[in-house]
Amino acid sequence: MTYRAMVCAVSLCIVASSAFARSTVGELLDKGASKLSKEDYAALTPFRVVYQWPNRQGEGDLLYAADGTVAGSEFHYPSRSASPATGTWTVDDGGKWCIKKFMQSWDSRTDQCWFSWKLGDDYYGSLGEEKNTKVIKVKSFAKQ
């Protein structure tokens, strides 16, 4: 490998690793982000969320209705398989957003709670509120 090729390869690795670097709640707050409240969710409902799974093994496209139901689809990259997803969602007074989903094609259930953050026009999710908690960027979060 020539010196020029090695420099290019190292540069690409640095750029790629920074593209996948995840921010923390503290970094978002330092930039002026705000946590979504129960009232924010009520004002957005119904809303659609398109996201990549935290493990980057798939993605989801879900519609959250005012009656507390969720419906949409999930796609698993490695198996190239999709599944309808249905379930329920709630938000508590502290802004914790909990989703219980069932993916019929995979006979799989998830039960997870998140906190959502807004920075400018972008939305992020985290499993906790602590400043060192990692966040993931949501592809799309939009009122329907």
Protein backbone atom coordinates (compact mmCIF):
# COMPACT_ATOMS: atom_id res chain seq x y z
CA MET A 1 0.00 0.00 0.00
CA THR A 2 1.37 3.39 -0.94
CA TYR A 3 1.61 6.20 1.57
CA ARG A 4 -1.12 8.11 -0.31
CA ALA A 5 -3.48 5.12 -0.25
CA MET A 6 -2.83 4.60 3.47
CA VAL A 7 -3.59 8.27 4.24
CA CYS A 8 -6.83 8.03 2.23
CA ALA A 9 -7.84 4.83 4.03
CA VAL A 10 -7.18 6.32 7.47
CA SER A 11 -9.07 9.50 6.51
CA LEU A 12 -12.06 7.45 5.38
CA CYS A 13 -12.04 5.51 8.66
CA ILE A 14 -12.04 8.74 10.67
CA VAL A 15 -14.89 10.22 8.63
CA ALA A 16 -16.90 7.00 8.82
CA SER A 17 -16.42 6.65 12.59
CA SER A 18 -17.50 10.24 13.19
CA ALA A 19 -20.58 9.72 11.04
CA PHE A 20 -21.61 6.84 13.31
CA ALA A 21 -20.64 8.54 16.56
CA ARG A 22 -23.57 8.91 18.89
CA SER A 23 -24.26 11.97 20.95
CA THR A 24 -25.36 11.98 24.56
CA VAL A 25 -28.29 13.66 26.27
CA GLY A 26 -25.85 16.14 27.81
CA GLU A 27 -24.45 17.11 24.40
CA LEU A 28 -27.96 17.66 23.06
CA LEU A 29 -28.91 19.78 26.08
CA ASP A 30 -25.72 21.84 25.68
CA LYS A 31 -26.83 22.58 22.10
CA GLY A 32 -30.28 23.71 23.29
CA ALA A 33 -32.37 20.56 22.87
CA SER A 34 -35.60 20.14 24.81
CA LYS A 35 -37.24 16.96 26.10
CA LEU A 36 -40.71 16.24 24.72
CA SER A 37 -43.39 16.45 27.39
CA LYS A 38 -46.72 14.66 27.68
CA GLU A 39 -48.32 17.84 26.32
CA ASP A 40 -45.94 17.84 23.32
CA TYR A 41 -47.00 14.30 22.41
CA ALA A 42 -50.68 15.25 22.75
CA ALA A 43 -50.18 18.20 20.38
CA LEU A 44 -48.34 16.00 17.84
CA THR A 45 -50.85 13.15 17.86
CA PRO A 46 -51.42 11.43 15.51
CA PHE A 47 -47.77 11.18 14.49
CA ARG A 48 -45.56 8.97 12.36
CA VAL A 49 -42.05 7.89 13.33
CA VAL A 50 -39.50 6.39 10.94
CA TYR A 51 -36.37 5.16 12.69
CA GLN A 52 -33.41 2.84 12.55
CA TRP A 53 -33.13 0.27 15.32
CA PRO A 54 -30.51 1.19 17.95
CA ASN A 55 -28.46 -1.90 16.96
CA ARG A 56 -28.64 -0.82 13.29
CA GLN A 57 -30.05 -4.21 12.31
CA GLY A 58 -33.36 -2.87 11.00
CA GLU A 59 -35.83 -0.03 10.83
CA GLY A 60 -39.42 0.78 11.62
CA ASP A 61 -42.20 2.96 10.24
CA LEU A 62 -44.99 3.40 12.77
CA LEU A 63 -48.13 5.53 13.12
CA TYR A 64 -49.12 6.50 16.67
CA ALA A 65 -52.86 7.21 17.04
CA ALA A 66 -54.67 9.36 19.61
CA ASP A 67 -56.41 6.27 21.05
CA GLY A 68 -53.05 4.88 22.23
CA THR A 69 -52.59 2.35 19.44
CA VAL A 70 -49.59 1.97 17.17
CA ALA A 71 -49.50 0.29 13.75
CA GLY A 72 -46.96 0.02 10.97
CA SER A 73 -44.09 -2.18 9.88
CA GLU A 74 -40.60 -3.26 10.88
CA PHE A 75 -37.83 -4.42 8.54
CA HIS A 76 -34.85 -6.60 9.54
CA TYR A 77 -31.81 -5.90 7.33
CA PRO A 78 -29.84 -9.18 7.66
CA SER A 79 -32.81 -11.45 6.91
CA ARG A 80 -34.40 -8.98 4.48
CA SER A 81 -37.75 -9.69 6.08
CA ALA A 82 -40.57 -7.39 7.08
CA SER A 83 -43.31 -7.72 9.64
CA PRO A 84 -46.49 -5.80 10.40
CA ALA A 85 -46.27 -4.23 13.84
CA THR A 86 -49.18 -3.39 16.16
CA GLY A 87 -49.42 -2.38 19.76
CA THR A 88 -50.06 0.36 22.28
CA TRP A 89 -48.26 3.46 23.51
CA THR A 90 -48.44 5.76 26.53
CA VAL A 91 -46.61 8.82 27.84
CA ASP A 92 -46.29 9.50 31.56
CA ASP A 93 -46.23 12.91 33.26
CA GLY A 94 -42.41 12.93 33.10
CA GLY A 95 -42.37 12.53 29.31
CA LYS A 96 -41.39 8.85 29.31
CA TRP A 97 -42.82 7.34 26.12
CA CYS A 98 -43.55 3.60 26.38
CA ILE A 99 -44.36 1.35 23.43
CA LYS A 100 -45.53 -2.27 23.53
CA LYS A 101 -45.32 -3.82 20.05
CA PHE A 102 -46.01 -7.18 18.51
CA MET A 103 -44.41 -8.14 15.18
CA GLN A 104 -46.69 -10.84 13.79
CA SER A 105 -44.37 -12.29 11.11
CA TRP A 106 -41.60 -12.90 13.64
CA ASP A 107 -43.85 -13.78 16.61
CA SER A 108 -41.85 -11.20 18.56
CA ARG A 109 -42.75 -8.61 21.19
CA THR A 110 -40.95 -5.52 22.41
CA ASP A 111 -41.76 -3.45 25.46
CA GLN A 112 -39.53 -0.41 25.72
CA CYS A 113 -39.63 3.12 27.09
CA TRP A 114 -37.84 6.15 25.62
CA PHE A 115 -37.34 9.82 26.17
CA SER A 116 -37.56 12.01 23.08
CA TRP A 117 -35.55 15.16 22.46
CA LYS A 118 -35.98 17.91 19.89
CA LEU A 119 -33.08 20.00 18.59
CA GLY A 120 -34.09 22.36 15.79
CA ASP A 121 -36.06 20.24 13.34
CA ASP A 122 -34.41 16.98 14.44
CA TYR A 123 -35.66 14.41 16.95
CA TYR A 124 -33.61 12.01 19.05
CA GLY A 125 -34.42 9.15 21.40
CA SER A 126 -32.72 7.91 24.56
CA LEU A 127 -33.38 5.17 27.08
CA GLY A 128 -32.75 7.53 30.00
CA GLU A 129 -32.56 11.18 30.99
CA GLU A 130 -29.06 11.15 32.49
CA LYS A 131 -26.57 13.42 30.70
CA ASN A 132 -24.26 10.52 29.77
CA THR A 133 -27.07 8.47 28.17
CA LYS A 134 -26.50 7.81 24.46
CA VAL A 135 -29.05 9.16 21.98
CA ILE A 136 -30.01 8.02 18.51
CA LYS A 137 -31.30 10.29 15.79
CA VAL A 138 -34.79 9.55 14.52
CA LYS A 139 -35.11 9.51 10.73
CA SER A 140 -38.51 11.23 10.77
CA PHE A 141 -40.99 12.33 13.46
CA ALA A 142 -43.99 14.09 11.96
CA LYS A 143 -47.57 15.00 12.80
CA GLN A 144 -50.02 13.26 10.48
